[in-house]
């Protein structure tokens, strides 16, 4: 029984980590701090069944835009929430 509990706990941690991991990479093409939006030229986002393109995303938290500039290469996590595509995490790519 202890093995099963340990396995399920490890599985839950792995699922949580993968849900938080960046699922796309791209380049910042425009930042709209007043509108809490960012335009990105990105590669394929398999989790959203989205081909490479340039598009505007809402950002979950306006603080995500702090420290970013047009031209920055980024890794980000995007999801669909309330019918809109939203960036929930973003960081400069190494």
C-alpha atoms as a PDB file:
ATOM      1  CA  UNK A   1       0.000   0.000   0.000  1.00  0.00           C
ATOM      2  CA  UNK A   2       2.840   2.425   0.831  1.00  0.00           C
ATOM      3  CA  UNK A   3       4.335   1.813  -2.606  1.00  0.00           C
ATOM      4  CA  UNK A   4       1.052   2.702  -4.295  1.00  0.00           C
ATOM      5  CA  UNK A   5       0.713   5.918  -2.284  1.00  0.00           C
ATOM      6  CA  UNK A   6       4.327   6.878  -3.043  1.00  0.00           C
ATOM      7  CA  UNK A   7       3.810   6.145  -6.742  1.00  0.00           C
ATOM      8  CA  UNK A   8       0.625   8.219  -6.921  1.00  0.00           C
ATOM      9  CA  UNK A   9       2.313  11.095  -5.071  1.00  0.00           C
ATOM     10  CA  UNK A  10       5.244  11.023  -7.515  1.00  0.00           C
ATOM     11  CA  UNK A  11       2.852  10.903 -10.443  1.00  0.00           C
ATOM     12  CA  UNK A  12       0.987  13.944  -9.125  1.00  0.00           C
ATOM     13  CA  UNK A  13       4.215  15.916  -8.700  1.00  0.00           C
ATOM     14  CA  UNK A  14       5.314  15.016 -12.233  1.00  0.00           C
ATOM     15  CA  UNK A  15       1.938  16.081 -13.653  1.00  0.00           C
ATOM     16  CA  UNK A  16       2.093  19.382 -11.797  1.00  0.00           C
ATOM     17  CA  UNK A  17       5.641  20.036 -13.002  1.00  0.00           C
ATOM     18  CA  UNK A  18       4.717  19.338 -16.618  1.00  0.00           C
ATOM     19  CA  UNK A  19       1.654  21.588 -16.368  1.00  0.00           C
ATOM     20  CA  UNK A  20       3.892  24.457 -15.239  1.00  0.00           C
ATOM     21  CA  UNK A  21       6.683  23.784 -17.754  1.00  0.00           C
ATOM     22  CA  UNK A  22       6.913  26.147 -20.731  1.00  0.00           C
ATOM     23  CA  UNK A  23       5.136  24.660 -23.716  1.00  0.00           C
ATOM     24  CA  UNK A  24       6.341  27.099 -26.376  1.00  0.00           C
ATOM     25  CA  UNK A  25       9.145  29.368 -27.435  1.00  0.00           C
ATOM     26  CA  UNK A  26       9.070  32.558 -29.420  1.00  0.00           C
ATOM     27  CA  UNK A  27      10.082  36.172 -29.824  1.00  0.00           C
ATOM     28  CA  UNK A  28       8.413  39.273 -28.395  1.00  0.00           C
ATOM     29  CA  UNK A  29       7.144  41.497 -31.229  1.00  0.00           C
ATOM     30  CA  UNK A  30       4.985  43.943 -29.240  1.00  0.00           C
ATOM     31  CA  UNK A  31       4.144  44.687 -25.596  1.00  0.00           C
ATOM     32  CA  UNK A  32       0.929  46.408 -24.468  1.00  0.00           C
ATOM     33  CA  UNK A  33       1.280  46.919 -20.700  1.00  0.00           C
ATOM     34  CA  UNK A  34      -1.891  49.016 -20.466  1.00  0.00           C
ATOM     35  CA  UNK A  35      -3.929  46.253 -22.121  1.00  0.00           C
ATOM     36  CA  UNK A  36      -2.128  43.345 -20.397  1.00  0.00           C
ATOM     37  CA  UNK A  37      -1.235  41.854 -23.776  1.00  0.00           C
ATOM     38  CA  UNK A  38       1.856  40.635 -25.550  1.00  0.00           C
ATOM     39  CA  UNK A  39       2.385  39.821 -29.212  1.00  0.00           C
ATOM     40  CA  UNK A  40       4.630  36.850 -29.862  1.00  0.00           C
ATOM     41  CA  UNK A  41       6.033  35.181 -32.962  1.00  0.00           C
ATOM     42  CA  UNK A  42       6.015  31.592 -31.760  1.00  0.00           C
ATOM     43  CA  UNK A  43       6.659  28.062 -32.870  1.00  0.00           C
ATOM     44  CA  UNK A  44       4.127  25.264 -32.771  1.00  0.00           C
ATOM     45  CA  UNK A  45       2.206  24.905 -29.511  1.00  0.00           C
ATOM     46  CA  UNK A  46       1.208  21.237 -29.486  1.00  0.00           C
ATOM     47  CA  UNK A  47      -0.812  21.510 -26.264  1.00  0.00           C
ATOM     48  CA  UNK A  48      -3.139  23.991 -28.012  1.00  0.00           C
ATOM     49  CA  UNK A  49      -2.975  22.357 -31.459  1.00  0.00           C
ATOM     50  CA  UNK A  50      -1.617  25.657 -32.790  1.00  0.00           C
ATOM     51  CA  UNK A  51       0.798  26.023 -35.727  1.00  0.00           C
ATOM     52  CA  UNK A  52       3.667  28.531 -35.725  1.00  0.00           C
ATOM     53  CA  UNK A  53       2.376  32.078 -36.099  1.00  0.00           C
ATOM     54  CA  UNK A  54       2.457  35.623 -34.796  1.00  0.00           C
ATOM     55  CA  UNK A  55      -0.387  36.479 -32.429  1.00  0.00           C
ATOM     56  CA  UNK A  56      -1.498  38.543 -29.451  1.00  0.00           C
ATOM     57  CA  UNK A  57      -1.985  36.846 -26.089  1.00  0.00           C
ATOM     58  CA  UNK A  58      -3.516  38.160 -22.892  1.00  0.00           C
ATOM     59  CA  UNK A  59      -1.247  37.785 -19.864  1.00  0.00           C
ATOM     60  CA  UNK A  60      -2.591  36.273 -16.651  1.00  0.00           C
ATOM     61  CA  UNK A  61      -0.572  38.688 -14.481  1.00  0.00           C
ATOM     62  CA  UNK A  62       0.609  42.106 -15.761  1.00  0.00           C
ATOM     63  CA  UNK A  63       3.861  41.629 -13.822  1.00  0.00           C
ATOM     64  CA  UNK A  64       4.800  38.948 -16.356  1.00  0.00           C
ATOM     65  CA  UNK A  65       5.581  41.777 -18.790  1.00  0.00           C
ATOM     66  CA  UNK A  66       8.138  43.394 -16.463  1.00  0.00           C
ATOM     67  CA  UNK A  67      11.676  43.049 -17.778  1.00  0.00           C
ATOM     68  CA  UNK A  68      10.624  42.010 -21.295  1.00  0.00           C
ATOM     69  CA  UNK A  69      11.402  43.994 -24.432  1.00  0.00           C
ATOM     70  CA  UNK A  70      10.605  43.724 -28.126  1.00  0.00           C
ATOM     71  CA  UNK A  71      13.087  41.331 -29.699  1.00  0.00           C
ATOM     72  CA  UNK A  72      13.559  39.163 -26.593  1.00  0.00           C
ATOM     73  CA  UNK A  73      13.585  35.423 -27.183  1.00  0.00           C
ATOM     74  CA  UNK A  74      11.260  33.787 -24.653  1.00  0.00           C
ATOM     75  CA  UNK A  75       9.918  30.481 -23.354  1.00  0.00           C
ATOM     76  CA  UNK A  76       6.307  30.628 -22.234  1.00  0.00           C
ATOM     77  CA  UNK A  77       3.285  28.680 -21.137  1.00  0.00           C
ATOM     78  CA  UNK A  78       0.038  29.385 -22.970  1.00  0.00           C
ATOM     79  CA  UNK A  79      -3.405  28.027 -22.258  1.00  0.00           C
ATOM     80  CA  UNK A  80      -6.966  28.625 -23.324  1.00  0.00           C
ATOM     81  CA  UNK A  81      -9.110  30.218 -20.622  1.00  0.00           C
ATOM     82  CA  UNK A  82     -12.606  31.614 -21.054  1.00  0.00           C
ATOM     83  CA  UNK A  83     -12.283  31.348 -24.819  1.00  0.00           C
ATOM     84  CA  UNK A  84      -9.052  33.372 -24.971  1.00  0.00           C
ATOM     85  CA  UNK A  85      -5.419  32.381 -25.267  1.00  0.00           C
ATOM     86  CA  UNK A  86      -3.533  33.441 -22.166  1.00  0.00           C
ATOM     87  CA  UNK A  87       0.153  33.448 -21.237  1.00  0.00           C
ATOM     88  CA  UNK A  88       0.407  32.163 -17.677  1.00  0.00           C
ATOM     89  CA  UNK A  89       4.216  32.106 -17.441  1.00  0.00           C
ATOM     90  CA  UNK A  90       7.021  33.652 -19.493  1.00  0.00           C
ATOM     91  CA  UNK A  91      10.759  34.066 -19.172  1.00  0.00           C
ATOM     92  CA  UNK A  92      13.666  35.096 -21.360  1.00  0.00           C
ATOM     93  CA  UNK A  93      15.220  32.159 -23.155  1.00  0.00           C
ATOM     94  CA  UNK A  94      18.832  31.346 -22.297  1.00  0.00           C
END
